[in-house]
N, C-alpha and C. Protein backbone atom coordinates (compact mmCIF):
# COMPACT_ATOMS: atom_id res chain seq x y z
N MET A 1 85.96 49.34 -142.40
CA MET A 1 84.79 49.31 -142.56
C MET A 1 83.58 49.90 -142.64
N ARG A 2 82.75 50.38 -143.61
CA ARG A 2 82.29 51.22 -143.98
C ARG A 2 81.25 51.42 -142.85
N ALA A 3 80.52 52.86 -142.66
CA ALA A 3 79.34 52.52 -141.84
C ALA A 3 78.01 52.75 -142.30
N ASN A 4 77.37 51.73 -141.55
CA ASN A 4 76.08 51.46 -141.70
C ASN A 4 74.94 52.54 -142.48
N PRO A 5 74.64 52.84 -143.33
CA PRO A 5 73.63 53.99 -143.87
C PRO A 5 72.45 54.13 -142.80
N CYS A 6 72.07 53.07 -142.66
CA CYS A 6 70.56 52.57 -141.53
C CYS A 6 70.74 52.92 -140.19
N LEU A 7 72.01 53.37 -139.84
CA LEU A 7 71.86 54.46 -138.41
C LEU A 7 72.26 55.31 -138.52
N ALA A 8 71.87 56.51 -139.91
CA ALA A 8 71.25 57.38 -139.63
C ALA A 8 70.73 57.85 -140.41
N CYS A 9 69.60 57.11 -140.78
CA CYS A 9 68.49 57.16 -141.39
C CYS A 9 67.48 56.33 -140.71
N GLY A 10 66.50 55.44 -140.95
CA GLY A 10 65.40 54.87 -140.20
C GLY A 10 63.98 55.24 -140.94
N ALA A 11 64.13 55.67 -141.91
CA ALA A 11 63.18 56.23 -142.85
C ALA A 11 62.10 54.81 -143.13
N CYS A 12 62.80 54.15 -143.47
CA CYS A 12 61.72 52.96 -143.92
C CYS A 12 61.12 53.09 -142.75
N CYS A 13 61.60 52.43 -141.58
CA CYS A 13 60.34 52.28 -140.42
C CYS A 13 59.69 53.03 -139.96
N ALA A 14 60.06 54.08 -140.22
CA ALA A 14 58.25 55.42 -140.40
C ALA A 14 57.95 55.60 -141.79
N HIS A 15 58.02 54.74 -142.64
CA HIS A 15 57.42 55.05 -143.85
C HIS A 15 56.61 53.22 -144.43
N PHE A 16 56.89 52.69 -144.03
CA PHE A 16 56.15 51.28 -144.14
C PHE A 16 55.72 50.32 -143.40
N ARG A 17 54.71 49.62 -143.64
CA ARG A 17 54.05 48.91 -142.63
C ARG A 17 54.78 47.57 -142.57
N ALA A 18 55.05 47.11 -141.74
CA ALA A 18 56.37 45.95 -141.29
C ALA A 18 55.35 44.88 -141.02
N SER A 19 54.79 44.04 -142.10
CA SER A 19 53.84 42.69 -141.84
C SER A 19 55.04 41.47 -141.76
N PHE A 20 54.48 40.55 -141.17
CA PHE A 20 55.40 39.50 -141.48
C PHE A 20 54.65 38.51 -140.87
N TYR A 21 54.65 37.10 -141.53
CA TYR A 21 54.20 35.71 -140.78
C TYR A 21 53.60 35.74 -139.27
N TRP A 22 52.73 35.30 -138.71
CA TRP A 22 53.07 35.53 -137.54
C TRP A 22 53.80 34.59 -136.19
N ALA A 23 54.04 33.07 -137.12
CA ALA A 23 55.35 32.41 -136.04
C ALA A 23 56.58 33.02 -136.25
N GLU A 24 56.68 34.29 -136.84
CA GLU A 24 58.04 35.01 -135.95
C GLU A 24 58.21 35.28 -134.66
N THR A 25 56.66 35.23 -134.56
CA THR A 25 57.38 36.07 -132.97
C THR A 25 57.66 35.21 -131.43
N ASP A 26 57.82 35.87 -130.46
CA ASP A 26 58.67 35.00 -129.67
C ASP A 26 57.19 34.16 -128.85
N ASP A 27 55.91 33.98 -129.35
CA ASP A 27 55.04 33.28 -128.86
C ASP A 27 55.24 31.84 -129.47
N ALA A 28 55.71 31.61 -130.99
CA ALA A 28 56.13 30.70 -131.65
C ALA A 28 57.49 30.31 -131.73
N THR A 29 58.21 31.24 -131.73
CA THR A 29 59.56 30.64 -132.19
C THR A 29 60.63 31.59 -130.90
N PRO A 30 60.96 30.57 -130.08
CA PRO A 30 62.23 31.08 -128.94
C PRO A 30 63.08 32.59 -129.12
N GLY A 31 63.10 33.58 -129.22
CA GLY A 31 63.99 34.36 -129.57
C GLY A 31 63.50 35.55 -130.88
N GLY A 32 61.81 35.13 -130.96
CA GLY A 32 61.62 35.79 -132.13
C GLY A 32 60.65 37.54 -131.79
N VAL A 33 60.72 38.05 -132.98
CA VAL A 33 59.85 39.43 -132.33
C VAL A 33 59.44 39.11 -131.12
N PRO A 34 58.98 39.96 -130.35
CA PRO A 34 58.33 40.02 -129.06
C PRO A 34 56.54 40.11 -129.33
N ALA A 35 56.37 39.66 -129.31
CA ALA A 35 54.61 39.48 -129.36
C ALA A 35 53.68 40.84 -129.05
N ALA A 36 54.17 41.51 -127.94
CA ALA A 36 54.06 42.20 -127.26
C ALA A 36 53.75 43.88 -128.52
N MET A 37 54.65 43.86 -128.66
CA MET A 37 55.52 44.55 -130.54
C MET A 37 54.60 44.68 -131.38
N THR A 38 53.88 43.70 -131.35
CA THR A 38 52.98 43.27 -132.47
C THR A 38 51.30 43.73 -132.97
N GLU A 39 50.95 43.88 -134.09
CA GLU A 39 49.19 43.76 -134.36
C GLU A 39 48.91 43.26 -134.81
N LYS A 40 48.03 42.16 -134.81
CA LYS A 40 47.27 41.24 -135.92
C LYS A 40 46.82 41.93 -137.04
N LEU A 41 47.25 41.33 -138.56
CA LEU A 41 46.89 42.19 -139.51
C LEU A 41 45.48 41.65 -140.09
N ASN A 42 45.65 39.81 -140.43
CA ASN A 42 44.67 39.20 -140.68
C ASN A 42 45.13 37.20 -139.86
N ASP A 43 44.77 36.46 -140.47
CA ASP A 43 44.65 35.38 -140.22
C ASP A 43 46.13 34.79 -139.83
N PHE A 44 46.98 35.19 -140.61
CA PHE A 44 48.61 34.93 -140.94
C PHE A 44 49.18 35.71 -140.81
N PHE A 45 48.77 37.31 -140.81
CA PHE A 45 50.38 38.37 -140.53
C PHE A 45 50.14 39.06 -139.31
N LEU A 46 51.08 39.17 -138.82
CA LEU A 46 51.06 40.53 -137.88
C LEU A 46 51.61 41.91 -138.59
N ILE A 47 51.29 43.01 -137.86
CA ILE A 47 52.35 43.90 -138.36
C ILE A 47 53.08 44.60 -137.00
N MET A 48 54.50 45.13 -136.77
CA MET A 48 54.88 45.36 -135.72
C MET A 48 53.83 47.24 -135.65
N ARG A 49 53.79 47.37 -134.00
CA ARG A 49 52.73 48.04 -133.56
C ARG A 49 53.43 49.81 -134.02
N GLY A 50 52.37 50.06 -134.37
CA GLY A 50 52.62 51.77 -135.00
C GLY A 50 53.29 51.97 -136.18
N THR A 51 53.40 50.92 -136.96
CA THR A 51 53.12 50.48 -138.32
C THR A 51 52.19 51.03 -139.35
N ARG A 52 50.68 50.63 -138.82
CA ARG A 52 49.35 50.64 -139.63
C ARG A 52 48.94 52.13 -139.23
N GLY A 53 48.45 52.66 -140.92
CA GLY A 53 47.56 54.14 -140.73
C GLY A 53 48.59 55.27 -141.68
N PRO A 54 48.40 56.13 -141.75
CA PRO A 54 48.66 57.58 -142.88
C PRO A 54 50.16 57.63 -141.69
N GLU A 55 50.55 57.92 -140.62
CA GLU A 55 51.69 58.30 -140.66
C GLU A 55 52.43 57.17 -139.52
N PRO A 56 53.32 56.45 -140.32
CA PRO A 56 53.52 54.92 -139.76
C PRO A 56 54.81 55.66 -138.87
N ARG A 57 55.61 54.71 -137.59
CA ARG A 57 56.65 54.86 -137.34
C ARG A 57 56.39 53.51 -136.33
N CYS A 58 57.29 52.33 -136.54
CA CYS A 58 57.64 51.19 -135.56
C CYS A 58 57.50 51.79 -134.30
N GLU A 59 57.32 51.04 -133.64
CA GLU A 59 57.30 51.11 -131.97
C GLU A 59 58.35 50.81 -131.47
N ALA A 60 59.48 50.06 -132.31
CA ALA A 60 60.62 49.72 -131.83
C ALA A 60 61.95 50.27 -132.29
N LEU A 61 61.57 51.36 -133.38
CA LEU A 61 62.64 52.51 -133.24
C LEU A 61 63.10 53.89 -132.61
N LEU A 62 63.92 53.84 -132.46
CA LEU A 62 64.42 54.57 -131.31
C LEU A 62 65.35 55.77 -132.15
N GLY A 63 65.00 56.68 -131.70
CA GLY A 63 66.34 57.90 -132.27
C GLY A 63 65.27 58.83 -133.69
N ASP A 64 66.06 60.05 -134.10
CA ASP A 64 65.36 60.71 -134.95
C ASP A 64 65.88 60.35 -136.00
N ILE A 65 65.01 60.33 -137.01
CA ILE A 65 64.63 59.85 -138.62
C ILE A 65 66.08 60.61 -139.02
N GLY A 66 66.63 60.50 -139.81
CA GLY A 66 67.85 61.53 -140.58
C GLY A 66 68.85 61.82 -139.80
N ALA A 67 68.98 61.92 -138.53
CA ALA A 67 69.82 62.00 -137.96
C ALA A 67 70.75 60.84 -137.03
N GLY A 68 70.25 60.29 -136.27
CA GLY A 68 70.41 58.61 -135.51
C GLY A 68 69.50 57.93 -135.00
N VAL A 69 69.62 56.84 -135.31
CA VAL A 69 68.40 55.68 -135.36
C VAL A 69 69.05 54.55 -134.85
N ARG A 70 68.33 53.35 -134.01
CA ARG A 70 68.76 52.30 -134.15
C ARG A 70 67.04 51.63 -133.58
N CYS A 71 67.38 49.79 -133.78
CA CYS A 71 66.29 49.34 -133.66
C CYS A 71 66.33 48.52 -131.98
N SER A 72 65.33 48.62 -131.46
CA SER A 72 65.37 48.25 -129.93
C SER A 72 65.19 46.71 -129.80
N ILE A 73 64.59 45.84 -131.48
CA ILE A 73 64.64 44.80 -130.78
C ILE A 73 65.57 43.83 -132.29
N TYR A 74 67.09 44.95 -132.62
CA TYR A 74 67.68 44.23 -133.91
C TYR A 74 67.95 42.96 -133.76
N GLU A 75 68.09 42.41 -132.82
CA GLU A 75 68.85 41.23 -132.99
C GLU A 75 67.48 39.85 -133.37
N ARG A 76 66.20 40.85 -132.72
CA ARG A 76 65.12 39.87 -132.90
C ARG A 76 64.01 40.32 -133.57
N ARG A 77 64.17 40.95 -134.60
CA ARG A 77 63.44 41.72 -135.57
C ARG A 77 63.13 40.63 -136.69
N ALA A 78 61.89 40.98 -137.41
CA ALA A 78 61.28 40.41 -138.48
C ALA A 78 61.89 40.27 -139.82
N SER A 79 61.81 39.23 -140.01
CA SER A 79 62.49 38.82 -141.57
C SER A 79 61.90 40.23 -142.73
N ILE A 80 60.90 40.76 -142.71
CA ILE A 80 60.86 41.80 -143.58
C ILE A 80 61.77 42.94 -143.39
N CYS A 81 61.81 43.36 -142.19
CA CYS A 81 63.67 44.21 -141.76
C CYS A 81 64.14 43.88 -142.10
N ARG A 82 64.63 42.41 -141.79
CA ARG A 82 66.10 42.01 -142.03
C ARG A 82 66.42 41.77 -143.54
N GLU A 83 65.79 41.75 -144.16
CA GLU A 83 65.68 41.13 -145.50
C GLU A 83 65.56 43.03 -146.35
N PHE A 84 65.50 43.63 -146.18
CA PHE A 84 65.30 45.23 -146.43
C PHE A 84 66.74 45.97 -146.62
N PRO A 85 67.17 45.39 -147.81
CA PRO A 85 68.36 46.34 -147.77
C PRO A 85 68.67 48.22 -148.44
N PRO A 86 70.10 49.15 -147.57
CA PRO A 86 69.57 50.20 -148.00
C PRO A 86 69.82 49.97 -149.57
N SER A 87 69.59 51.40 -150.89
CA SER A 87 69.77 51.14 -151.57
C SER A 87 71.16 51.22 -152.05
N TRP A 88 71.67 50.74 -153.00
CA TRP A 88 73.49 50.20 -152.99
C TRP A 88 73.95 49.38 -152.51
N GLU A 89 73.25 48.77 -151.68
CA GLU A 89 74.14 47.68 -150.55
C GLU A 89 74.78 46.24 -152.28
N ASP A 90 75.53 46.39 -151.63
CA ASP A 90 76.15 44.98 -152.98
C ASP A 90 75.53 45.20 -154.45
N GLY A 91 76.01 46.78 -154.38
CA GLY A 91 75.96 47.44 -155.93
C GLY A 91 74.25 47.26 -156.62
N VAL A 92 73.49 47.43 -155.52
CA VAL A 92 71.81 47.15 -156.42
C VAL A 92 71.25 48.59 -155.05
N GLN A 93 70.78 49.01 -156.45
CA GLN A 93 69.97 50.18 -156.21
C GLN A 93 68.52 49.76 -155.56
N ASN A 94 68.09 50.58 -154.01
CA ASN A 94 66.65 49.69 -153.67
C ASN A 94 65.33 50.73 -154.01
N PRO A 95 64.69 50.98 -154.47
CA PRO A 95 63.74 52.07 -155.07
C PRO A 95 62.89 52.15 -153.82
N ARG A 96 62.25 51.55 -152.88
CA ARG A 96 61.52 51.55 -151.54
C ARG A 96 62.51 52.01 -150.93
N CYS A 97 63.77 52.11 -150.69
CA CYS A 97 64.69 52.49 -150.03
C CYS A 97 64.21 54.52 -149.93
N ASP A 98 64.56 54.08 -151.07
CA ASP A 98 64.75 55.91 -151.92
C ASP A 98 63.54 56.34 -151.97
N GLN A 99 62.40 55.83 -152.06
CA GLN A 99 60.67 56.31 -151.64
C GLN A 99 60.65 56.75 -149.80
N ALA A 100 61.22 55.74 -149.09
CA ALA A 100 61.33 56.24 -147.50
C ALA A 100 61.53 57.36 -147.53
N ARG A 101 63.43 57.61 -148.04
CA ARG A 101 63.84 58.83 -147.61
C ARG A 101 63.31 59.71 -148.37
N ALA A 102 63.01 59.89 -149.40
CA ALA A 102 62.17 61.32 -150.04
C ALA A 102 61.06 61.43 -149.19
N ALA A 103 60.49 60.43 -148.69
CA ALA A 103 59.17 60.98 -147.78
C ALA A 103 59.25 61.60 -146.57
N TRP A 104 60.82 61.39 -146.42
CA TRP A 104 61.19 62.40 -144.79
C TRP A 104 62.32 63.65 -145.64
N GLY A 105 62.23 63.87 -146.59
CA GLY A 105 62.73 64.83 -147.16
C GLY A 105 64.35 64.67 -147.30
N LEU A 106 65.02 63.47 -147.04
CA LEU A 106 66.31 62.91 -147.26
C LEU A 106 66.84 62.51 -148.71
N THR A 107 67.75 62.96 -148.81
CA THR A 107 68.07 62.77 -150.43
C THR A 107 68.42 60.72 -150.67
N PRO A 108 68.23 60.65 -151.85
CA PRO A 108 68.56 58.93 -151.94
C PRO A 108 70.21 58.58 -151.46
N LEU A 109 70.34 57.63 -151.51
CA LEU A 109 71.53 56.77 -151.38
C LEU A 109 72.49 56.97 -152.39
N ALA A 110 73.45 57.65 -152.73
CA ALA A 110 74.63 57.32 -153.54
C ALA A 110 75.19 55.90 -153.71
N PRO A 111 75.49 55.36 -154.82
CA PRO A 111 76.26 54.10 -154.90
C PRO A 111 77.94 54.24 -154.30
N GLU A 112 78.29 55.71 -153.73
CA GLU A 112 79.41 55.98 -153.35
C GLU A 112 79.14 55.49 -151.80
N ILE A 113 78.03 56.26 -151.28
CA ILE A 113 77.63 55.93 -149.88
C ILE A 113 77.76 54.59 -149.67
N ASN A 114 77.36 53.18 -150.04
CA ASN A 114 77.36 52.51 -149.83
C ASN A 114 77.37 51.21 -151.37
N PRO A 115 79.10 51.60 -151.29
CA PRO A 115 79.36 51.34 -152.59
C PRO A 115 79.44 48.97 -152.23
N GLU A 116 79.90 49.12 -153.46
CA GLU A 116 79.79 47.26 -153.37
C GLU A 116 81.01 46.79 -152.50
N PRO A 117 80.98 46.11 -152.29
CA PRO A 117 82.00 45.51 -151.53
C PRO A 117 83.68 45.20 -152.30
N SER A 118 84.87 45.63 -152.20
CA SER A 118 85.73 44.91 -152.86
C SER A 118 85.62 43.49 -152.31
N PRO A 119 86.21 42.63 -153.74
CA PRO A 119 86.71 41.46 -152.91
C PRO A 119 88.03 41.22 -152.27
N LEU A 120 87.92 39.66 -151.40
CA LEU A 120 89.16 39.94 -151.05
C LEU A 120 89.96 40.05 -151.57
N PRO A 121 91.53 40.23 -151.23
CA PRO A 121 92.50 39.86 -151.86
C PRO A 121 93.35 38.30 -151.95
N ARG A 122 93.86 37.94 -152.92
CA ARG A 122 94.01 36.45 -152.66
C ARG A 122 95.09 36.22 -152.33
N ALA A 123 95.52 34.96 -151.72
CA ALA A 123 96.71 34.43 -151.30
C ALA A 123 97.66 34.38 -152.28
N ALA A 124 98.65 34.43 -151.67
CA ALA A 124 99.98 34.29 -152.80
C ALA A 124 100.32 33.03 -153.06
């Protein structure tokens, strides 16, 4: 099993605003994103605290960018976070992943870092 490159990165969590539909919070959905960790963006969307402004860093992000990080609400994270793949996951580059890494002085992920999964062997 290969290591998840996000666990040694975290750049996206400290570069982009994390906005999502309000009903994803635990106010509306049991086990949802902790509402206490959000701010209102508009009538329909919230953002994770810390991701507003010129130097964003999600309040849920723990650790050091580029060295070792984790999301303190990983199982309860918003859909925007769940749907943000690292570059080359399943063989597809994510330019926004590369952009966030570059903002933190990190090199883009290479296909060999997160290669396309090998097909399962067939039963005889």
